[in-house]
Amino acid sequence: MASSWSDVDALIHELGAVCAEATSVSASDADKAGIKSAIGEATQAVVGTLDTPEDVETIGQARQAIAVARKLVASVAAEIGRAPRARKRAADLGVRRPPGEGESN
């Protein structure tokens, strides 16, 4: 079954959603660079569908690139969410921060 412009439109909306998710994540510079790179690759893949919207393989490659970017954004967001819980658990267990890191005790 041949892909159509509706597939391309859906890809554009999916990519936009990933970009929106990425802007809501307060990540480190390294994580932001990785996310930006993944979104850039997904964008190029989506742009590649504009010349041949009926090419099922090109549409599939774009979907895969978007999925990779989405997964990266989600994993960074999850890690950021776990960090405060890990710090609290460490504090509950009596673990002190190493000298020079964060607040002094």
C-alpha atoms as a PDB file:
ATOM      1  CA  MET A   1       0.000   0.000   0.000  1.00  0.00           C
ATOM      2  CA  ALA A   2       1.453   3.327  -1.055  1.00  0.00           C
ATOM      3  CA  SER A   3       1.929   6.108   1.483  1.00  0.00           C
ATOM      4  CA  SER A   4       0.320   9.478   0.889  1.00  0.00           C
ATOM      5  CA  TRP A   5       0.498  13.093   1.911  1.00  0.00           C
ATOM      6  CA  SER A   6      -1.585  12.245   4.972  1.00  0.00           C
ATOM      7  CA  ASP A   7       1.348  10.117   6.157  1.00  0.00           C
ATOM      8  CA  VAL A   8       3.709  13.052   5.674  1.00  0.00           C
ATOM      9  CA  ASP A   9       1.289  15.341   7.524  1.00  0.00           C
ATOM     10  CA  ALA A  10       1.158  12.868  10.414  1.00  0.00           C
ATOM     11  CA  LEU A  11       4.965  12.733  10.522  1.00  0.00           C
ATOM     12  CA  ILE A  12       5.166  16.511  10.684  1.00  0.00           C
ATOM     13  CA  HIS A  13       2.710  16.562  13.596  1.00  0.00           C
ATOM     14  CA  GLU A  14       4.624  13.777  15.390  1.00  0.00           C
ATOM     15  CA  LEU A  15       7.885  15.662  14.949  1.00  0.00           C
ATOM     16  CA  GLY A  16       6.260  18.822  16.289  1.00  0.00           C
ATOM     17  CA  ALA A  17       5.075  16.927  19.353  1.00  0.00           C
ATOM     18  CA  VAL A  18       8.596  15.637  20.015  1.00  0.00           C
ATOM     19  CA  CYS A  19       9.965  19.178  19.682  1.00  0.00           C
ATOM     20  CA  ALA A  20       7.369  20.428  22.169  1.00  0.00           C
ATOM     21  CA  GLU A  21       8.262  17.628  24.598  1.00  0.00           C
ATOM     22  CA  ALA A  22      11.947  18.476  24.244  1.00  0.00           C
ATOM     23  CA  THR A  23      11.432  22.137  25.123  1.00  0.00           C
ATOM     24  CA  SER A  24       9.732  21.159  28.375  1.00  0.00           C
ATOM     25  CA  VAL A  25      12.724  19.110  29.575  1.00  0.00           C
ATOM     26  CA  SER A  26      15.314  20.923  31.710  1.00  0.00           C
ATOM     27  CA  ALA A  27      18.316  18.901  30.603  1.00  0.00           C
ATOM     28  CA  SER A  28      22.063  19.281  30.897  1.00  0.00           C
ATOM     29  CA  ASP A  29      23.945  20.813  27.983  1.00  0.00           C
ATOM     30  CA  ALA A  30      25.140  17.366  26.902  1.00  0.00           C
ATOM     31  CA  ASP A  31      21.613  15.945  26.991  1.00  0.00           C
ATOM     32  CA  LYS A  32      20.263  18.993  25.128  1.00  0.00           C
ATOM     33  CA  ALA A  33      22.894  18.469  22.430  1.00  0.00           C
ATOM     34  CA  GLY A  34      21.921  14.809  22.066  1.00  0.00           C
ATOM     35  CA  ILE A  35      18.243  15.676  21.867  1.00  0.00           C
ATOM     36  CA  LYS A  36      18.937  18.423  19.337  1.00  0.00           C
ATOM     37  CA  SER A  37      20.926  15.998  17.208  1.00  0.00           C
ATOM     38  CA  ALA A  38      18.193  13.337  17.309  1.00  0.00           C
ATOM     39  CA  ILE A  39      15.531  15.896  16.418  1.00  0.00           C
ATOM     40  CA  GLY A  40      17.756  17.170  13.599  1.00  0.00           C
ATOM     41  CA  GLU A  41      18.061  13.659  12.177  1.00  0.00           C
ATOM     42  CA  ALA A  42      14.309  13.155  12.466  1.00  0.00           C
ATOM     43  CA  THR A  43      13.704  16.475  10.745  1.00  0.00           C
ATOM     44  CA  GLN A  44      15.970  15.499   7.856  1.00  0.00           C
ATOM     45  CA  ALA A  45      14.161  12.182   7.556  1.00  0.00           C
ATOM     46  CA  VAL A  46      10.786  13.945   7.431  1.00  0.00           C
ATOM     47  CA  VAL A  47      12.074  16.424   4.845  1.00  0.00           C
ATOM     48  CA  GLY A  48      13.184  13.435   2.785  1.00  0.00           C
ATOM     49  CA  THR A  49       9.562  12.298   2.572  1.00  0.00           C
ATOM     50  CA  LEU A  50       8.524  15.506   0.822  1.00  0.00           C
ATOM     51  CA  ASP A  51      10.067  14.436  -2.483  1.00  0.00           C
ATOM     52  CA  THR A  52       8.504  10.964  -2.466  1.00  0.00           C
ATOM     53  CA  PRO A  53       5.481  10.835  -0.151  1.00  0.00           C
ATOM     54  CA  GLU A  54       4.467   7.510  -1.671  1.00  0.00           C
ATOM     55  CA  ASP A  55       7.737   5.789  -0.724  1.00  0.00           C
ATOM     56  CA  VAL A  56       6.877   3.442   2.137  1.00  0.00           C
ATOM     57  CA  GLU A  57      10.536   2.903   3.058  1.00  0.00           C
ATOM     58  CA  THR A  58      11.231   6.636   3.361  1.00  0.00           C
ATOM     59  CA  ILE A  59       8.104   7.100   5.480  1.00  0.00           C
ATOM     60  CA  GLY A  60       9.223   4.208   7.699  1.00  0.00           C
ATOM     61  CA  GLN A  61      12.699   5.678   8.122  1.00  0.00           C
ATOM     62  CA  ALA A  62      11.178   8.994   9.181  1.00  0.00           C
ATOM     63  CA  ARG A  63       8.900   7.244  11.681  1.00  0.00           C
ATOM     64  CA  GLN A  64      11.901   5.397  13.117  1.00  0.00           C
ATOM     65  CA  ALA A  65      13.943   8.608  13.432  1.00  0.00           C
ATOM     66  CA  ILE A  66      11.058  10.316  15.231  1.00  0.00           C
ATOM     67  CA  ALA A  67      10.712   7.319  17.547  1.00  0.00           C
ATOM     68  CA  VAL A  68      14.420   7.528  18.422  1.00  0.00           C
ATOM     69  CA  ALA A  69      14.115  11.234  19.234  1.00  0.00           C
ATOM     70  CA  ARG A  70      10.948  10.661  21.282  1.00  0.00           C
ATOM     71  CA  LYS A  71      12.600   7.849  23.247  1.00  0.00           C
ATOM     72  CA  LEU A  72      15.651  10.014  23.997  1.00  0.00           C
ATOM     73  CA  VAL A  73      13.502  12.900  25.236  1.00  0.00           C
ATOM     74  CA  ALA A  74      11.475  10.521  27.409  1.00  0.00           C
ATOM     75  CA  SER A  75      14.556   8.866  28.894  1.00  0.00           C
ATOM     76  CA  VAL A  76      16.154  12.227  29.764  1.00  0.00           C
ATOM     77  CA  ALA A  77      12.887  13.411  31.332  1.00  0.00           C
ATOM     78  CA  ALA A  78      12.619  10.199  33.341  1.00  0.00           C
ATOM     79  CA  GLU A  79      16.200  10.507  34.577  1.00  0.00           C
ATOM     80  CA  ILE A  80      15.602  14.096  35.637  1.00  0.00           C
ATOM     81  CA  GLY A  81      12.495  12.922  37.497  1.00  0.00           C
ATOM     82  CA  ARG A  82      14.437  10.193  39.313  1.00  0.00           C
ATOM     83  CA  ALA A  83      17.271  12.457  40.471  1.00  0.00           C
ATOM     84  CA  PRO A  84      15.397  14.256  43.289  1.00  0.00           C
ATOM     85  CA  ARG A  85      14.023  10.961  44.589  1.00  0.00           C
ATOM     86  CA  ALA A  86      17.519   9.451  44.574  1.00  0.00           C
ATOM     87  CA  ARG A  87      18.921  12.458  46.483  1.00  0.00           C
ATOM     88  CA  LYS A  88      16.107  12.242  49.028  1.00  0.00           C
ATOM     89  CA  ARG A  89      16.633   8.511  49.478  1.00  0.00           C
ATOM     90  CA  ALA A  90      20.356   9.049  49.950  1.00  0.00           C
ATOM     91  CA  ALA A  91      19.655  11.744  52.547  1.00  0.00           C
ATOM     92  CA  ASP A  92      17.186   9.427  54.311  1.00  0.00           C
ATOM     93  CA  LEU A  93      19.956   6.821  54.483  1.00  0.00           C
ATOM     94  CA  GLY A  94      22.367   9.372  55.944  1.00  0.00           C
ATOM     95  CA  VAL A  95      24.564   9.770  52.879  1.00  0.00           C
ATOM     96  CA  ARG A  96      26.189  13.196  52.838  1.00  0.00           C
ATOM     97  CA  ARG A  97      27.082  15.203  49.772  1.00  0.00           C
ATOM     98  CA  PRO A  98      30.759  15.166  48.857  1.00  0.00           C
ATOM     99  CA  PRO A  99      32.589  18.413  49.675  1.00  0.00           C
ATOM    100  CA  GLY A 100      32.216  20.974  46.909  1.00  0.00           C
ATOM    101  CA  GLU A 101      28.932  19.558  45.563  1.00  0.00           C
ATOM    102  CA  GLY A 102      25.832  21.605  46.149  1.00  0.00           C
ATOM    103  CA  GLU A 103      24.817  22.811  49.566  1.00  0.00           C
ATOM    104  CA  SER A 104      27.196  22.542  52.519  1.00  0.00           C
ATOM    105  CA  ASN A 105      26.106  20.721  55.666  1.00  0.00           C
END
